[in-house]
């Protein structure tokens, strides 16, 4: 196995990772930049394919690791990038959407 030492880290070659059935990790930001689209173009793709609209800040925060991605967002990103379902994984447990408590988000009758 070919390794390189760098500042105390041992780094395997890409070929060794493939041989060991480990897929190299790539950030969703790196993926977006590699295919040459902007956040706004990604947002448009997601909307056109799923009907769901995400804010620019949401996508940016997920890409930069400031917030986690929901299972739903991961699925929408897979569709927008043309990946198979389940292709994107996180280094943390993805957030699941919680059901709102009864009455939460509903406007009270007569409230302005």
N, C-alpha and C. Protein backbone atom coordinates (compact mmCIF):
# COMPACT_ATOMS: atom_id res chain seq x y z
N UNK A 1 0.85 -1.18 0.00
CA UNK A 1 0.00 0.00 0.00
C UNK A 1 0.89 1.24 0.00
N UNK A 2 0.67 2.09 -0.94
CA UNK A 2 1.44 3.31 -1.05
C UNK A 2 0.84 4.39 -0.15
N UNK A 3 1.67 4.98 0.70
CA UNK A 3 1.17 6.05 1.57
C UNK A 3 2.11 7.24 1.49
N UNK A 4 1.58 8.37 1.84
CA UNK A 4 2.37 9.59 1.91
C UNK A 4 2.16 10.19 3.29
N UNK A 5 3.23 10.66 3.90
CA UNK A 5 3.08 11.33 5.19
C UNK A 5 3.05 12.82 4.95
N UNK A 6 2.12 13.47 5.63
CA UNK A 6 1.99 14.91 5.49
C UNK A 6 1.54 15.47 6.82
N UNK A 7 2.40 16.22 7.47
CA UNK A 7 2.08 16.86 8.74
C UNK A 7 1.43 15.89 9.72
N UNK A 8 2.03 14.72 9.87
CA UNK A 8 1.52 13.77 10.85
C UNK A 8 0.38 12.89 10.37
N UNK A 9 -0.10 13.09 9.15
CA UNK A 9 -1.19 12.29 8.61
C UNK A 9 -0.63 11.30 7.59
N UNK A 10 -1.16 10.12 7.59
CA UNK A 10 -0.80 9.14 6.58
C UNK A 10 -1.93 9.15 5.56
N UNK A 11 -1.58 9.33 4.31
CA UNK A 11 -2.58 9.47 3.26
C UNK A 11 -2.40 8.35 2.24
N UNK A 12 -3.47 7.57 2.02
CA UNK A 12 -3.43 6.51 1.03
C UNK A 12 -3.61 7.10 -0.36
N UNK A 13 -3.09 6.39 -1.34
CA UNK A 13 -3.30 6.82 -2.72
C UNK A 13 -4.74 6.52 -3.13
N UNK A 14 -5.21 7.18 -4.16
CA UNK A 14 -6.57 6.97 -4.67
C UNK A 14 -6.77 5.51 -5.07
N UNK A 15 -5.76 4.93 -5.72
CA UNK A 15 -5.85 3.53 -6.16
C UNK A 15 -6.02 2.60 -4.96
N UNK A 16 -5.31 2.86 -3.86
CA UNK A 16 -5.44 2.04 -2.66
C UNK A 16 -6.84 2.15 -2.07
N UNK A 17 -7.41 3.33 -2.09
CA UNK A 17 -8.77 3.50 -1.57
C UNK A 17 -9.76 2.69 -2.39
N UNK A 18 -9.61 2.72 -3.71
CA UNK A 18 -10.51 1.95 -4.57
C UNK A 18 -10.32 0.45 -4.36
N UNK A 19 -9.06 0.04 -4.21
CA UNK A 19 -8.76 -1.36 -3.99
C UNK A 19 -9.38 -1.84 -2.68
N UNK A 20 -9.44 -0.98 -1.70
CA UNK A 20 -10.01 -1.31 -0.39
C UNK A 20 -11.51 -1.04 -0.34
N UNK A 21 -12.12 -0.82 -1.50
CA UNK A 21 -13.57 -0.57 -1.60
C UNK A 21 -14.03 0.63 -0.79
N UNK A 22 -13.18 1.59 -0.63
CA UNK A 22 -13.57 2.82 0.05
C UNK A 22 -13.61 3.93 -0.97
N UNK A 23 -14.73 4.56 -1.08
CA UNK A 23 -14.90 5.64 -2.04
C UNK A 23 -14.38 6.93 -1.42
N UNK A 24 -13.57 7.68 -2.15
CA UNK A 24 -13.09 8.96 -1.60
C UNK A 24 -14.26 9.90 -1.34
N UNK A 25 -14.14 10.70 -0.29
CA UNK A 25 -15.20 11.65 0.03
C UNK A 25 -14.97 12.93 -0.75
N UNK A 26 -16.07 13.53 -1.17
CA UNK A 26 -16.04 14.78 -1.91
C UNK A 26 -17.15 15.65 -1.35
N UNK A 27 -16.85 16.88 -1.03
CA UNK A 27 -17.89 17.75 -0.48
C UNK A 27 -18.90 18.11 -1.57
N UNK A 28 -20.12 18.44 -1.15
CA UNK A 28 -21.13 18.81 -2.15
C UNK A 28 -20.74 20.12 -2.83
N UNK A 29 -20.01 20.97 -2.13
CA UNK A 29 -19.53 22.21 -2.76
C UNK A 29 -18.52 21.87 -3.86
N UNK A 30 -17.59 20.96 -3.55
CA UNK A 30 -16.60 20.54 -4.55
C UNK A 30 -17.28 19.91 -5.76
N UNK A 31 -18.32 19.13 -5.51
CA UNK A 31 -19.08 18.52 -6.60
C UNK A 31 -19.72 19.59 -7.48
N UNK A 32 -20.34 20.59 -6.83
CA UNK A 32 -20.99 21.67 -7.59
C UNK A 32 -19.96 22.43 -8.42
N UNK A 33 -18.83 22.76 -7.80
CA UNK A 33 -17.80 23.51 -8.52
C UNK A 33 -17.19 22.68 -9.65
N UNK A 34 -17.06 21.37 -9.43
CA UNK A 34 -16.48 20.49 -10.46
C UNK A 34 -17.35 20.44 -11.72
N UNK A 35 -18.67 20.51 -11.53
CA UNK A 35 -19.53 20.49 -12.73
C UNK A 35 -19.78 21.89 -13.26
N UNK A 36 -19.29 22.90 -12.54
CA UNK A 36 -19.30 24.27 -13.05
C UNK A 36 -20.62 25.00 -12.98
N UNK A 37 -21.36 24.81 -11.88
CA UNK A 37 -22.61 25.57 -11.73
C UNK A 37 -22.56 26.40 -10.45
N UNK A 38 -23.34 27.46 -10.45
CA UNK A 38 -23.43 28.34 -9.28
C UNK A 38 -24.48 27.80 -8.32
N UNK A 39 -24.51 28.36 -7.13
CA UNK A 39 -25.55 27.99 -6.16
C UNK A 39 -26.92 28.28 -6.74
N UNK A 40 -27.07 29.41 -7.40
CA UNK A 40 -28.37 29.75 -7.98
C UNK A 40 -28.78 28.76 -9.08
N UNK A 41 -27.83 28.30 -9.87
CA UNK A 41 -28.14 27.30 -10.89
C UNK A 41 -28.53 25.97 -10.24
N UNK A 42 -27.87 25.62 -9.14
CA UNK A 42 -28.23 24.42 -8.40
C UNK A 42 -29.64 24.55 -7.83
N UNK A 43 -29.95 25.70 -7.26
CA UNK A 43 -31.29 25.94 -6.71
C UNK A 43 -32.35 25.80 -7.80
N UNK A 44 -32.06 26.32 -8.99
CA UNK A 44 -33.00 26.22 -10.11
C UNK A 44 -33.20 24.76 -10.51
N UNK A 45 -32.11 24.00 -10.59
CA UNK A 45 -32.21 22.57 -10.92
C UNK A 45 -33.09 21.84 -9.90
N UNK A 46 -32.84 22.10 -8.62
CA UNK A 46 -33.62 21.44 -7.57
C UNK A 46 -35.09 21.79 -7.73
N UNK A 47 -35.39 23.07 -7.94
CA UNK A 47 -36.78 23.49 -8.07
C UNK A 47 -37.44 22.85 -9.29
N UNK A 48 -36.74 22.85 -10.42
CA UNK A 48 -37.31 22.27 -11.64
C UNK A 48 -37.55 20.77 -11.53
N UNK A 49 -36.70 20.08 -10.78
CA UNK A 49 -36.81 18.62 -10.68
C UNK A 49 -37.71 18.16 -9.54
N UNK A 50 -37.84 18.99 -8.50
CA UNK A 50 -38.57 18.52 -7.31
C UNK A 50 -39.73 19.43 -6.91
N UNK A 51 -39.71 20.67 -7.41
CA UNK A 51 -40.72 21.63 -6.99
C UNK A 51 -40.44 22.24 -5.63
N UNK A 52 -39.31 21.86 -5.03
CA UNK A 52 -38.95 22.39 -3.71
C UNK A 52 -37.94 23.52 -3.90
N UNK A 53 -38.13 24.59 -3.14
CA UNK A 53 -37.25 25.75 -3.28
C UNK A 53 -36.45 25.94 -2.00
N UNK A 54 -35.13 25.98 -2.14
CA UNK A 54 -34.23 26.23 -1.01
C UNK A 54 -33.62 27.61 -1.17
N UNK A 55 -33.38 28.27 -0.07
CA UNK A 55 -32.74 29.57 -0.10
C UNK A 55 -31.25 29.43 -0.41
N UNK A 56 -30.71 30.48 -0.99
CA UNK A 56 -29.28 30.50 -1.32
C UNK A 56 -28.45 30.28 -0.06
N UNK A 57 -28.87 30.92 1.04
CA UNK A 57 -28.16 30.79 2.32
C UNK A 57 -28.19 29.38 2.87
N UNK A 58 -29.30 28.68 2.64
CA UNK A 58 -29.41 27.29 3.12
C UNK A 58 -28.39 26.41 2.42
N UNK A 59 -28.35 26.50 1.09
CA UNK A 59 -27.40 25.69 0.32
C UNK A 59 -25.97 26.04 0.72
N UNK A 60 -25.68 27.33 0.83
CA UNK A 60 -24.34 27.77 1.20
C UNK A 60 -23.95 27.26 2.59
N UNK A 61 -24.86 27.36 3.55
CA UNK A 61 -24.57 26.91 4.92
C UNK A 61 -24.31 25.41 4.97
N UNK A 62 -25.05 24.64 4.20
CA UNK A 62 -24.82 23.19 4.15
C UNK A 62 -23.48 22.90 3.50
N UNK A 63 -23.19 23.58 2.39
CA UNK A 63 -21.91 23.37 1.70
C UNK A 63 -20.72 23.70 2.59
N UNK A 64 -20.85 24.73 3.39
CA UNK A 64 -19.74 25.17 4.24
C UNK A 64 -19.69 24.43 5.57
N UNK A 65 -20.68 23.57 5.82
CA UNK A 65 -20.70 22.80 7.05
C UNK A 65 -21.23 23.54 8.26
N UNK A 66 -21.89 24.68 8.02
CA UNK A 66 -22.46 25.46 9.12
C UNK A 66 -23.78 24.89 9.60
N UNK A 67 -24.40 24.07 8.78
CA UNK A 67 -25.63 23.38 9.17
C UNK A 67 -25.68 22.05 8.46
N UNK A 68 -26.43 21.14 9.04
CA UNK A 68 -26.55 19.81 8.45
C UNK A 68 -27.61 19.78 7.37
N UNK A 69 -27.54 18.76 6.55
CA UNK A 69 -28.53 18.56 5.49
C UNK A 69 -29.57 17.56 5.94
N UNK A 70 -30.81 17.82 5.61
CA UNK A 70 -31.88 16.88 5.91
C UNK A 70 -31.83 15.74 4.89
N UNK A 71 -32.50 14.64 5.22
CA UNK A 71 -32.61 13.52 4.28
C UNK A 71 -33.25 14.02 2.98
N UNK A 72 -34.25 14.89 3.12
CA UNK A 72 -34.95 15.44 1.96
C UNK A 72 -33.99 16.24 1.07
N UNK A 73 -33.19 17.12 1.67
CA UNK A 73 -32.25 17.92 0.89
C UNK A 73 -31.23 17.03 0.20
N UNK A 74 -30.73 16.01 0.89
CA UNK A 74 -29.77 15.10 0.25
C UNK A 74 -30.39 14.44 -0.99
N UNK A 75 -31.65 14.04 -0.88
CA UNK A 75 -32.34 13.45 -2.03
C UNK A 75 -32.50 14.43 -3.17
N UNK A 76 -32.80 15.68 -2.83
CA UNK A 76 -32.95 16.70 -3.87
C UNK A 76 -31.61 17.01 -4.54
N UNK A 77 -30.54 17.01 -3.76
CA UNK A 77 -29.22 17.23 -4.34
C UNK A 77 -28.84 16.09 -5.28
N UNK A 78 -29.14 14.86 -4.87
CA UNK A 78 -28.86 13.71 -5.73
C UNK A 78 -29.57 13.85 -7.07
N UNK A 79 -30.83 14.22 -7.04
CA UNK A 79 -31.59 14.39 -8.29
C UNK A 79 -30.99 15.51 -9.14
N UNK A 80 -30.66 16.65 -8.50
CA UNK A 80 -30.12 17.79 -9.24
C UNK A 80 -28.77 17.47 -9.88
N UNK A 81 -27.98 16.62 -9.22
CA UNK A 81 -26.67 16.24 -9.75
C UNK A 81 -26.74 15.01 -10.65
N UNK A 82 -27.93 14.40 -10.79
CA UNK A 82 -28.06 13.22 -11.62
C UNK A 82 -27.44 11.97 -11.00
N UNK A 83 -27.41 11.92 -9.68
CA UNK A 83 -26.84 10.78 -8.97
C UNK A 83 -27.92 9.77 -8.60
N UNK A 84 -27.51 8.54 -8.36
CA UNK A 84 -28.45 7.52 -7.90
C UNK A 84 -28.90 7.85 -6.48
N UNK A 85 -30.12 7.46 -6.16
CA UNK A 85 -30.63 7.65 -4.79
C UNK A 85 -29.70 6.93 -3.82
N UNK A 86 -29.38 7.62 -2.73
CA UNK A 86 -28.50 7.04 -1.72
C UNK A 86 -27.02 7.26 -1.99
N UNK A 87 -26.69 8.00 -3.06
CA UNK A 87 -25.29 8.25 -3.41
C UNK A 87 -24.60 9.20 -2.44
N UNK A 88 -25.34 10.19 -1.95
CA UNK A 88 -24.76 11.17 -1.05
C UNK A 88 -24.89 10.68 0.39
N UNK A 89 -23.78 10.72 1.09
CA UNK A 89 -23.76 10.35 2.49
C UNK A 89 -23.18 11.50 3.28
N UNK A 90 -23.48 11.53 4.56
CA UNK A 90 -22.94 12.56 5.42
C UNK A 90 -22.01 11.93 6.44
N UNK A 91 -21.17 12.75 7.02
CA UNK A 91 -20.28 12.29 8.08
C UNK A 91 -21.00 12.39 9.44
N UNK A 92 -22.27 12.70 9.42
CA UNK A 92 -23.10 12.82 10.63
C UNK A 92 -24.46 12.23 10.29
N UNK A 93 -25.25 11.88 11.29
CA UNK A 93 -26.60 11.39 10.96
C UNK A 93 -27.43 12.52 10.35
N UNK A 94 -28.00 12.34 9.15
CA UNK A 94 -28.81 13.40 8.54
C UNK A 94 -30.02 13.73 9.39
N UNK A 95 -30.40 14.99 9.37
CA UNK A 95 -31.57 15.43 10.13
C UNK A 95 -32.83 14.93 9.45
N UNK A 96 -33.77 14.49 10.23
CA UNK A 96 -35.07 14.08 9.71
C UNK A 96 -36.05 15.19 10.04
N UNK A 97 -37.01 15.41 9.17
CA UNK A 97 -38.01 16.44 9.43
C UNK A 97 -38.90 15.99 10.56
N UNK A 98 -39.17 16.90 11.47
CA UNK A 98 -40.07 16.61 12.58
C UNK A 98 -41.45 17.13 12.23
N UNK A 99 -42.45 16.40 12.64
CA UNK A 99 -43.82 16.87 12.44
C UNK A 99 -44.08 18.02 13.40
N UNK A 100 -44.77 19.04 12.93
CA UNK A 100 -45.11 20.18 13.77
C UNK A 100 -46.16 19.76 14.79
N UNK A 101 -46.09 20.35 15.95
CA UNK A 101 -47.10 20.10 16.98
C UNK A 101 -48.45 20.60 16.47
N UNK A 102 -49.54 19.99 16.92
CA UNK A 102 -50.86 20.44 16.47
C UNK A 102 -51.03 21.95 16.67
N UNK A 103 -51.47 22.62 15.62
CA UNK A 103 -51.72 24.06 15.70
C UNK A 103 -50.51 24.93 15.40
N UNK A 104 -49.30 24.35 15.40
CA UNK A 104 -48.11 25.14 15.12
C UNK A 104 -48.10 25.50 13.65
N UNK A 105 -47.88 26.76 13.35
CA UNK A 105 -47.82 27.22 11.98
C UNK A 105 -49.16 27.62 11.41
N UNK A 106 -50.22 27.41 12.17
CA UNK A 106 -51.55 27.82 11.70
C UNK A 106 -51.87 29.19 12.29
N UNK A 107 -52.46 30.01 11.47
CA UNK A 107 -52.82 31.34 11.93
C UNK A 107 -54.14 31.27 12.70
N UNK A 108 -54.15 31.90 13.85
CA UNK A 108 -55.37 31.93 14.67
C UNK A 108 -56.45 32.72 13.95
N UNK A 109 -57.67 32.28 14.11
CA UNK A 109 -58.80 33.00 13.51
C UNK A 109 -58.85 34.41 14.07
N UNK A 110 -58.93 35.38 13.20
CA UNK A 110 -59.02 36.78 13.63
C UNK A 110 -57.67 37.42 13.87
N UNK A 111 -56.58 36.64 13.84
CA UNK A 111 -55.26 37.22 14.05
C UNK A 111 -54.81 37.90 12.77
N UNK A 112 -54.08 39.00 12.92
CA UNK A 112 -53.63 39.74 11.74
C UNK A 112 -52.25 39.34 11.37
